[in-house]
Amino acid sequence: AHARGDISTAAVAAVLKLQPDKADEAEFDFEVLENPSRVLRSQERFCSLLPASRYEPVAKGRTSGVIMLKDTAPDAEEELLPLPAALAAASEGAEEEEPAPPEPFELPA
């Protein structure tokens, strides 16, 4: 449904939160990839971007790898998704003070 543009990214995120446990996993006809740069060449033909998305690729037809996007509505307010738990935990430690650099030294000749 998301490939046809019937639902927004926020709606897909809400659906993913309601996904059943692995034991009760139902068969979905789509999957939202968190890291499209990990798609194999043989999988590229099955990938598509959200057609009604605010962002579109600069290079048309690009669906995987490193994709540069342009904002089609730069004046509108951005709707950002929350960080996954692993990234949120890692970013909490980013506010800590960094250790001092090592003392200067000379290498023996």
N, C-alpha and C. Protein backbone atom coordinates (compact mmCIF):
# COMPACT_ATOMS: atom_id res chain seq x y z
N ALA A 1 0.83 -1.19 0.00
CA ALA A 1 0.00 0.00 0.00
C ALA A 1 0.87 1.25 0.00
N HIS A 2 2.01 1.22 0.68
CA HIS A 2 2.84 2.43 0.72
C HIS A 2 3.50 2.71 -0.62
N ALA A 3 3.77 1.68 -1.41
CA ALA A 3 4.39 1.88 -2.72
C ALA A 3 3.44 2.58 -3.68
N ARG A 4 2.14 2.40 -3.49
CA ARG A 4 1.15 3.07 -4.34
C ARG A 4 0.85 4.47 -3.85
N GLY A 5 1.36 4.84 -2.64
CA GLY A 5 1.11 6.17 -2.10
C GLY A 5 -0.21 6.27 -1.36
N ASP A 6 -0.80 5.13 -1.00
CA ASP A 6 -2.08 5.14 -0.30
C ASP A 6 -1.95 5.55 1.16
N ILE A 7 -0.75 5.35 1.74
CA ILE A 7 -0.54 5.73 3.15
C ILE A 7 0.76 6.50 3.28
N SER A 8 0.86 7.35 4.29
CA SER A 8 2.04 8.19 4.49
C SER A 8 3.10 7.45 5.31
N THR A 9 4.27 8.06 5.41
CA THR A 9 5.36 7.48 6.20
C THR A 9 4.96 7.38 7.66
N ALA A 10 4.25 8.39 8.17
CA ALA A 10 3.81 8.36 9.56
C ALA A 10 2.84 7.20 9.79
N ALA A 11 1.98 6.94 8.82
CA ALA A 11 1.04 5.83 8.95
C ALA A 11 1.78 4.49 8.92
N VAL A 12 2.79 4.38 8.07
CA VAL A 12 3.59 3.15 8.01
C VAL A 12 4.31 2.95 9.34
N ALA A 13 4.86 4.02 9.91
CA ALA A 13 5.54 3.91 11.21
C ALA A 13 4.56 3.45 12.29
N ALA A 14 3.33 3.97 12.27
CA ALA A 14 2.32 3.55 13.25
C ALA A 14 1.96 2.08 13.07
N VAL A 15 1.87 1.62 11.83
CA VAL A 15 1.57 0.21 11.55
C VAL A 15 2.70 -0.67 12.07
N LEU A 16 3.93 -0.24 11.84
CA LEU A 16 5.07 -1.04 12.28
C LEU A 16 5.14 -1.17 13.79
N LYS A 17 4.66 -0.16 14.52
CA LYS A 17 4.63 -0.24 15.98
C LYS A 17 3.63 -1.31 16.43
N LEU A 18 2.61 -1.54 15.63
CA LEU A 18 1.58 -2.50 15.99
C LEU A 18 1.84 -3.90 15.43
N GLN A 19 3.02 -4.10 14.85
CA GLN A 19 3.34 -5.41 14.29
C GLN A 19 3.28 -6.48 15.38
N PRO A 20 2.81 -7.66 15.04
CA PRO A 20 2.76 -8.75 16.02
C PRO A 20 4.16 -9.25 16.36
N ASP A 21 4.24 -9.98 17.46
CA ASP A 21 5.52 -10.58 17.86
C ASP A 21 6.00 -11.54 16.77
N LYS A 22 7.28 -11.90 16.84
CA LYS A 22 7.85 -12.81 15.83
C LYS A 22 7.10 -14.14 15.79
N ALA A 23 6.62 -14.61 16.93
CA ALA A 23 5.90 -15.89 16.97
C ALA A 23 4.56 -15.79 16.23
N ASP A 24 3.91 -14.62 16.32
CA ASP A 24 2.61 -14.43 15.69
C ASP A 24 2.73 -13.65 14.38
N GLU A 25 3.91 -13.65 13.80
CA GLU A 25 4.17 -12.80 12.63
C GLU A 25 3.27 -13.16 11.46
N ALA A 26 2.57 -12.16 10.96
CA ALA A 26 1.72 -12.35 9.79
C ALA A 26 2.52 -11.99 8.54
N GLU A 27 2.07 -12.46 7.41
CA GLU A 27 2.77 -12.19 6.15
C GLU A 27 2.32 -10.84 5.60
N PHE A 28 3.25 -9.89 5.46
CA PHE A 28 2.96 -8.57 4.89
C PHE A 28 3.37 -8.55 3.43
N ASP A 29 2.70 -7.73 2.64
CA ASP A 29 3.06 -7.61 1.24
C ASP A 29 4.08 -6.49 1.02
N PHE A 30 4.59 -5.88 2.11
CA PHE A 30 5.61 -4.85 2.00
C PHE A 30 6.48 -4.85 3.25
N GLU A 31 7.59 -4.19 3.15
CA GLU A 31 8.51 -4.04 4.28
C GLU A 31 9.16 -2.67 4.15
N VAL A 32 9.22 -1.93 5.26
CA VAL A 32 9.89 -0.63 5.26
C VAL A 32 11.33 -0.86 5.68
N LEU A 33 12.26 -0.49 4.80
CA LEU A 33 13.68 -0.69 5.09
C LEU A 33 14.23 0.52 5.83
N GLU A 34 14.93 0.27 6.93
CA GLU A 34 15.55 1.35 7.68
C GLU A 34 16.84 1.79 7.01
N ASN A 35 17.50 0.89 6.28
CA ASN A 35 18.77 1.20 5.65
C ASN A 35 18.76 0.70 4.21
N PRO A 36 18.24 1.51 3.27
CA PRO A 36 18.16 1.03 1.89
C PRO A 36 19.52 0.87 1.23
N SER A 37 20.59 1.31 1.86
CA SER A 37 21.91 1.12 1.26
C SER A 37 22.38 -0.33 1.37
N ARG A 38 21.66 -1.16 2.11
CA ARG A 38 22.01 -2.57 2.27
C ARG A 38 21.26 -3.48 1.30
N VAL A 39 20.55 -2.92 0.35
CA VAL A 39 19.81 -3.71 -0.63
C VAL A 39 20.79 -4.28 -1.65
N LEU A 40 20.64 -5.55 -1.95
CA LEU A 40 21.49 -6.19 -2.96
C LEU A 40 21.00 -5.83 -4.36
N ARG A 41 21.88 -5.94 -5.34
CA ARG A 41 21.51 -5.61 -6.72
C ARG A 41 20.32 -6.45 -7.20
N SER A 42 20.28 -7.72 -6.79
CA SER A 42 19.18 -8.59 -7.22
C SER A 42 17.85 -8.19 -6.56
N GLN A 43 17.90 -7.42 -5.47
CA GLN A 43 16.68 -6.99 -4.78
C GLN A 43 16.19 -5.63 -5.27
N GLU A 44 17.01 -4.88 -6.00
CA GLU A 44 16.67 -3.51 -6.39
C GLU A 44 15.38 -3.42 -7.19
N ARG A 45 15.10 -4.40 -8.04
CA ARG A 45 13.90 -4.31 -8.88
C ARG A 45 12.62 -4.43 -8.06
N PHE A 46 12.70 -4.93 -6.82
CA PHE A 46 11.52 -5.07 -5.98
C PHE A 46 11.35 -3.88 -5.04
N CYS A 47 12.29 -2.93 -5.05
CA CYS A 47 12.25 -1.77 -4.15
C CYS A 47 11.62 -0.58 -4.85
N SER A 48 10.90 0.21 -4.07
CA SER A 48 10.35 1.45 -4.60
C SER A 48 10.30 2.48 -3.47
N LEU A 49 10.32 3.74 -3.84
CA LEU A 49 10.21 4.81 -2.88
C LEU A 49 8.74 5.18 -2.73
N LEU A 50 8.40 5.84 -1.64
CA LEU A 50 7.02 6.27 -1.43
C LEU A 50 6.68 7.34 -2.46
N PRO A 51 5.68 7.13 -3.32
CA PRO A 51 5.40 8.07 -4.40
C PRO A 51 4.90 9.43 -3.93
N ALA A 52 4.18 9.51 -2.84
CA ALA A 52 3.65 10.78 -2.36
C ALA A 52 4.58 11.38 -1.29
N SER A 53 5.84 11.01 -1.33
CA SER A 53 6.79 11.46 -0.32
C SER A 53 7.19 12.91 -0.54
N ARG A 54 7.53 13.56 0.54
CA ARG A 54 8.00 14.94 0.49
C ARG A 54 9.37 15.04 -0.18
N TYR A 55 10.16 14.00 -0.05
CA TYR A 55 11.51 13.98 -0.59
C TYR A 55 11.56 13.07 -1.80
N GLU A 56 12.30 13.47 -2.83
CA GLU A 56 12.47 12.64 -4.01
C GLU A 56 13.94 12.61 -4.39
N PRO A 57 14.38 11.52 -5.01
CA PRO A 57 15.79 11.41 -5.37
C PRO A 57 16.19 12.43 -6.43
N VAL A 58 17.41 12.95 -6.29
CA VAL A 58 17.95 13.87 -7.29
C VAL A 58 18.17 13.11 -8.59
N ALA A 59 18.72 11.89 -8.50
CA ALA A 59 18.91 11.03 -9.67
C ALA A 59 17.66 10.16 -9.82
N LYS A 60 16.86 10.43 -10.82
CA LYS A 60 15.61 9.69 -11.04
C LYS A 60 15.88 8.20 -11.23
N GLY A 61 15.00 7.37 -10.68
CA GLY A 61 15.12 5.93 -10.84
C GLY A 61 16.01 5.27 -9.81
N ARG A 62 16.64 6.02 -8.94
CA ARG A 62 17.53 5.47 -7.92
C ARG A 62 16.71 5.02 -6.73
N THR A 63 16.79 3.73 -6.33
CA THR A 63 16.00 3.22 -5.20
C THR A 63 16.84 2.58 -4.11
N SER A 64 18.15 2.48 -4.31
CA SER A 64 18.97 1.85 -3.28
C SER A 64 20.36 2.46 -3.30
N GLY A 65 21.18 2.05 -2.33
CA GLY A 65 22.52 2.61 -2.21
C GLY A 65 22.46 3.97 -1.55
N VAL A 66 23.43 4.80 -1.81
CA VAL A 66 23.45 6.15 -1.27
C VAL A 66 22.60 7.01 -2.20
N ILE A 67 21.53 7.58 -1.66
CA ILE A 67 20.58 8.35 -2.46
C ILE A 67 20.55 9.78 -1.95
N MET A 68 20.83 10.75 -2.82
CA MET A 68 20.71 12.15 -2.45
C MET A 68 19.28 12.58 -2.74
N LEU A 69 18.62 13.18 -1.74
CA LEU A 69 17.23 13.57 -1.87
C LEU A 69 17.08 15.08 -1.91
N LYS A 70 16.04 15.55 -2.60
CA LYS A 70 15.71 16.97 -2.55
C LYS A 70 14.33 17.12 -1.94
N ASP A 71 14.15 18.21 -1.21
CA ASP A 71 12.91 18.50 -0.51
C ASP A 71 11.95 19.17 -1.49
N THR A 72 10.77 18.56 -1.69
CA THR A 72 9.79 19.13 -2.62
C THR A 72 8.91 20.18 -1.95
N ALA A 73 8.95 20.25 -0.62
CA ALA A 73 8.17 21.25 0.13
C ALA A 73 9.07 21.87 1.20
N PRO A 74 10.06 22.70 0.81
CA PRO A 74 11.01 23.22 1.79
C PRO A 74 10.40 24.17 2.82
N ASP A 75 9.26 24.78 2.51
CA ASP A 75 8.63 25.71 3.45
C ASP A 75 7.78 25.01 4.50
N ALA A 76 7.40 23.78 4.27
CA ALA A 76 6.56 23.03 5.22
C ALA A 76 7.40 22.52 6.39
N GLU A 77 6.74 22.32 7.53
CA GLU A 77 7.44 21.82 8.71
C GLU A 77 7.77 20.34 8.53
N GLU A 78 8.99 19.95 8.97
CA GLU A 78 9.42 18.56 8.83
C GLU A 78 8.76 17.69 9.89
N GLU A 79 8.42 16.47 9.48
CA GLU A 79 7.88 15.47 10.40
C GLU A 79 8.96 14.39 10.55
N LEU A 80 9.64 14.38 11.69
CA LEU A 80 10.74 13.46 11.90
C LEU A 80 10.29 12.26 12.73
N LEU A 81 10.79 11.09 12.39
CA LEU A 81 10.49 9.88 13.14
C LEU A 81 11.45 9.78 14.32
N PRO A 82 11.04 9.14 15.41
CA PRO A 82 11.94 8.99 16.56
C PRO A 82 13.09 8.04 16.23
N LEU A 83 14.21 8.24 16.93
CA LEU A 83 15.37 7.37 16.76
C LEU A 83 15.08 5.97 17.28
N PRO A 84 15.62 4.93 16.65
CA PRO A 84 15.51 3.60 17.23
C PRO A 84 16.21 3.57 18.60
N ALA A 85 15.83 2.65 19.45
CA ALA A 85 16.34 2.61 20.82
C ALA A 85 17.86 2.53 20.88
N ALA A 86 18.49 1.77 20.00
CA ALA A 86 19.94 1.62 20.02
C ALA A 86 20.64 2.94 19.73
N LEU A 87 20.14 3.69 18.75
CA LEU A 87 20.74 4.98 18.42
C LEU A 87 20.47 6.01 19.49
N ALA A 88 19.29 5.97 20.09
CA ALA A 88 18.96 6.92 21.15
C ALA A 88 19.87 6.72 22.35
N ALA A 89 20.15 5.47 22.70
CA ALA A 89 21.04 5.18 23.84
C ALA A 89 22.46 5.65 23.54
N ALA A 90 22.91 5.49 22.30
CA ALA A 90 24.25 5.91 21.93
C ALA A 90 24.37 7.43 21.93
N SER A 91 23.32 8.14 21.54
CA SER A 91 23.39 9.59 21.47
C SER A 91 23.31 10.23 22.85
N GLU A 92 22.78 9.51 23.85
CA GLU A 92 22.73 10.06 25.20
C GLU A 92 24.13 10.26 25.76
N GLY A 93 25.05 9.37 25.42
CA GLY A 93 26.42 9.48 25.90
C GLY A 93 27.21 10.55 25.17
N ALA A 94 26.66 11.11 24.10
CA ALA A 94 27.38 12.12 23.30
C ALA A 94 27.54 13.43 24.05
N GLU A 95 26.72 13.67 25.08
CA GLU A 95 26.79 14.91 25.83
C GLU A 95 27.87 14.88 26.91
N GLU A 96 28.48 13.74 27.13
CA GLU A 96 29.53 13.64 28.13
C GLU A 96 30.77 14.39 27.67
N GLU A 97 31.57 14.81 28.65
CA GLU A 97 32.79 15.53 28.33
C GLU A 97 33.82 14.57 27.74
N GLU A 98 34.47 15.00 26.67
CA GLU A 98 35.47 14.17 26.02
C GLU A 98 36.75 14.15 26.85
N PRO A 99 37.52 13.06 26.80
CA PRO A 99 38.77 13.02 27.54
C PRO A 99 39.78 13.98 26.92
N ALA A 100 40.76 14.38 27.73
CA ALA A 100 41.80 15.30 27.26
C ALA A 100 42.70 14.59 26.24
N PRO A 101 43.26 15.33 25.29
CA PRO A 101 44.17 14.70 24.33
C PRO A 101 45.44 14.23 25.03
N PRO A 102 46.15 13.29 24.44
CA PRO A 102 47.38 12.79 25.08
C PRO A 102 48.46 13.89 25.08
N GLU A 103 49.40 13.72 25.98
CA GLU A 103 50.52 14.66 26.09
C GLU A 103 51.39 14.58 24.84
N PRO A 104 52.02 15.69 24.42
CA PRO A 104 52.91 15.64 23.26
C PRO A 104 54.12 14.74 23.54
N PHE A 105 54.62 14.11 22.49
CA PHE A 105 55.79 13.23 22.63
C PHE A 105 56.58 13.26 21.34
N GLU A 106 57.83 12.78 21.43
CA GLU A 106 58.68 12.69 20.25
C GLU A 106 59.07 11.24 20.04
N LEU A 107 59.07 10.83 18.80
CA LEU A 107 59.51 9.47 18.47
C LEU A 107 61.03 9.44 18.40
N PRO A 108 61.64 8.39 18.97
CA PRO A 108 63.11 8.30 18.87
C PRO A 108 63.52 8.06 17.42
N ALA A 109 64.65 8.64 17.05
CA ALA A 109 65.12 8.55 15.66
C ALA A 109 65.81 7.25 15.38
